[in-house]
Amino acid sequence: MKPVALAAALLFSQGAAAHSDEYLDTQTAPHGGQLRMVGQYHYELVVKAGELSVYVTDHGGKKIATEGASGTATLLSSKGKASVKLAPAGDNPMKGSGKFALAPDMKVVVSLALAGEPTQQGRFTPLGRRTRVRATWPRTRAW
């Protein structure tokens, strides 16, 4: 493989891995929720008793306007299934409320259609165990 092609392959493969669910679970989200890559956006899901918020940003964390957007969140767990309608609530959040039970095995499917764009879905495990980044090199080694 030519050096230029090899460098390009490495660059693009690292970019794709940088936005995997596993990687995003290691990041501290601005509102304390769970991050997911959905199309060209990042969605941050924050779940509290009876309410949901989804914050939409680009890869750099710049807020994406949700005015004119629509969406739903489907919550599934051992405690049941619920659907919550999401509506714009400010510059970049979508919010909704409803009756649902919080559970560690909860899975949430968020479907959003931003103004003039097709519907996109993100899948979350907001109360599940998160992974953490650990250093793999010796910390005592002198360089």
Protein backbone atom coordinates (compact mmCIF):
# COMPACT_ATOMS: atom_id res chain seq x y z
CA MET A 1 0.00 0.00 0.00
CA LYS A 2 1.32 3.45 -0.87
CA PRO A 3 2.23 5.73 2.07
CA VAL A 4 -0.37 8.36 1.14
CA ALA A 5 -3.16 5.78 0.89
CA LEU A 6 -2.07 4.20 4.17
CA ALA A 7 -2.07 7.58 5.94
CA ALA A 8 -5.53 8.40 4.56
CA ALA A 9 -6.90 5.02 5.65
CA LEU A 10 -5.54 5.49 9.17
CA LEU A 11 -6.90 9.04 9.39
CA PHE A 12 -10.41 8.09 8.33
CA SER A 13 -10.56 4.93 10.44
CA GLN A 14 -9.61 6.92 13.56
CA GLY A 15 -12.28 9.51 12.77
CA ALA A 16 -14.95 6.85 12.56
CA ALA A 17 -13.87 5.24 15.81
CA ALA A 18 -13.83 8.63 17.54
CA HIS A 19 -17.63 8.80 17.30
CA SER A 20 -18.49 5.22 18.23
CA ASP A 21 -20.94 4.60 21.07
CA GLU A 22 -18.10 3.18 23.16
CA TYR A 23 -16.00 6.31 22.68
CA LEU A 24 -18.91 8.69 23.29
CA ASP A 25 -19.73 6.84 26.53
CA THR A 26 -16.29 7.89 27.82
CA GLN A 27 -17.05 11.58 27.25
CA THR A 28 -18.62 13.94 29.76
CA ALA A 29 -21.74 15.32 28.12
CA PRO A 30 -22.57 19.03 28.67
CA HIS A 31 -25.90 18.28 30.39
CA GLY A 32 -24.88 15.04 32.11
CA GLY A 33 -26.68 12.77 29.65
CA GLN A 34 -25.59 10.11 27.19
CA LEU A 35 -24.13 11.06 23.80
CA ARG A 36 -24.78 9.32 20.49
CA MET A 37 -23.70 10.01 16.93
CA VAL A 38 -26.82 10.29 14.74
CA GLY A 39 -26.10 11.05 11.10
CA GLN A 40 -24.11 14.27 11.05
CA TYR A 41 -25.17 15.29 14.57
CA HIS A 42 -24.56 14.43 18.19
CA TYR A 43 -27.65 13.85 20.31
CA GLU A 44 -27.40 14.04 24.09
CA LEU A 45 -30.23 12.30 25.92
CA VAL A 46 -31.04 13.35 29.48
CA VAL A 47 -33.68 11.23 31.26
CA LYS A 48 -35.29 12.20 34.57
CA ALA A 49 -38.43 10.90 36.24
CA GLY A 50 -41.26 11.72 33.84
CA GLU A 51 -39.25 13.90 31.43
CA LEU A 52 -36.78 13.64 28.57
CA SER A 53 -34.50 16.15 26.91
CA VAL A 54 -32.48 15.69 23.71
CA TYR A 55 -29.81 18.29 22.92
CA VAL A 56 -28.64 18.49 19.30
CA THR A 57 -25.13 19.66 18.37
CA ASP A 58 -22.62 19.23 15.58
CA HIS A 59 -19.34 17.32 16.02
CA GLY A 60 -17.68 20.38 17.52
CA GLY A 61 -20.40 20.91 20.12
CA LYS A 62 -22.03 23.85 18.28
CA LYS A 63 -25.76 24.02 19.00
CA ILE A 64 -28.07 23.02 16.15
CA ALA A 65 -31.42 24.83 16.10
CA THR A 66 -34.44 22.62 16.76
CA GLU A 67 -37.08 25.20 15.78
CA GLY A 68 -39.55 23.50 13.45
CA ALA A 69 -38.36 20.01 14.45
CA SER A 70 -40.55 17.14 15.63
CA GLY A 71 -39.78 13.89 17.35
CA THR A 72 -40.63 11.03 19.63
CA ALA A 73 -38.80 8.90 22.17
CA THR A 74 -39.75 5.26 22.68
CA LEU A 75 -38.70 3.90 26.07
CA LEU A 76 -38.38 0.14 26.61
CA SER A 77 -37.50 -1.67 29.83
CA SER A 78 -38.48 -4.58 32.03
CA LYS A 79 -40.95 -2.14 33.65
CA GLY A 80 -42.83 -1.50 30.41
CA LYS A 81 -42.97 0.54 27.22
CA ALA A 82 -43.80 4.22 26.80
CA SER A 83 -43.76 6.81 24.06
CA VAL A 84 -43.02 10.50 24.64
CA LYS A 85 -43.63 13.23 22.08
CA LEU A 86 -40.69 15.66 21.78
CA ALA A 87 -41.03 19.35 20.89
CA PRO A 88 -38.54 22.22 20.49
CA ALA A 89 -37.77 23.92 23.81
CA GLY A 90 -35.23 26.67 23.19
CA ASP A 91 -32.21 26.93 20.94
CA ASN A 92 -31.14 23.27 20.63
CA PRO A 93 -33.15 21.02 22.96
CA MET A 94 -36.17 18.89 22.26
CA LYS A 95 -38.21 18.08 25.38
CA GLY A 96 -41.13 15.92 26.37
CA SER A 97 -42.81 14.42 29.38
CA GLY A 98 -44.89 11.36 30.11
CA LYS A 99 -45.49 8.44 32.40
CA PHE A 100 -42.61 5.97 32.40
CA ALA A 101 -40.55 4.14 34.97
CA LEU A 102 -36.78 4.55 35.20
CA ALA A 103 -34.94 1.22 35.07
CA PRO A 104 -31.27 0.23 34.69
CA ASP A 105 -32.12 -1.89 31.61
CA MET A 106 -33.93 1.02 29.91
CA LYS A 107 -33.38 1.50 26.20
CA VAL A 108 -34.54 4.65 24.43
CA VAL A 109 -35.00 5.13 20.70
CA VAL A 110 -35.09 8.82 19.78
CA SER A 111 -36.54 9.74 16.37
CA LEU A 112 -36.05 13.37 15.34
CA ALA A 113 -36.84 15.23 12.14
CA LEU A 114 -35.10 18.59 12.13
CA ALA A 115 -36.73 21.27 9.96
CA GLY A 116 -36.37 20.33 6.29
CA GLU A 117 -34.49 17.10 7.05
CA PRO A 118 -35.51 13.43 7.11
CA THR A 119 -36.12 11.61 10.39
CA GLN A 120 -33.04 10.12 12.03
CA GLN A 121 -32.87 7.69 14.95
CA GLY A 122 -30.49 7.38 17.86
CA ARG A 123 -30.41 4.46 20.30
CA PHE A 124 -29.53 5.02 23.95
CA THR A 125 -29.01 3.09 27.18
CA PRO A 126 -29.14 6.13 29.47
CA LEU A 127 -29.05 4.36 32.82
CA GLY A 128 -26.71 1.55 31.79
CA ARG A 129 -23.11 1.18 32.82
CA ARG A 130 -20.72 3.57 31.07
CA THR A 131 -17.19 2.74 30.02
CA ARG A 132 -14.22 4.81 31.05
CA VAL A 133 -10.93 5.45 29.25
CA ARG A 134 -7.94 3.94 30.99
CA ALA A 135 -4.33 4.66 30.20
CA THR A 136 -2.50 1.66 28.77
CA TRP A 137 1.02 2.98 29.00
CA PRO A 138 3.17 2.96 32.14
CA ARG A 139 2.77 6.21 34.03
CA THR A 140 6.15 5.94 35.74
CA ARG A 141 8.14 5.59 32.55
CA ALA A 142 10.46 8.50 31.79
CA TRP A 143 10.47 9.70 28.21
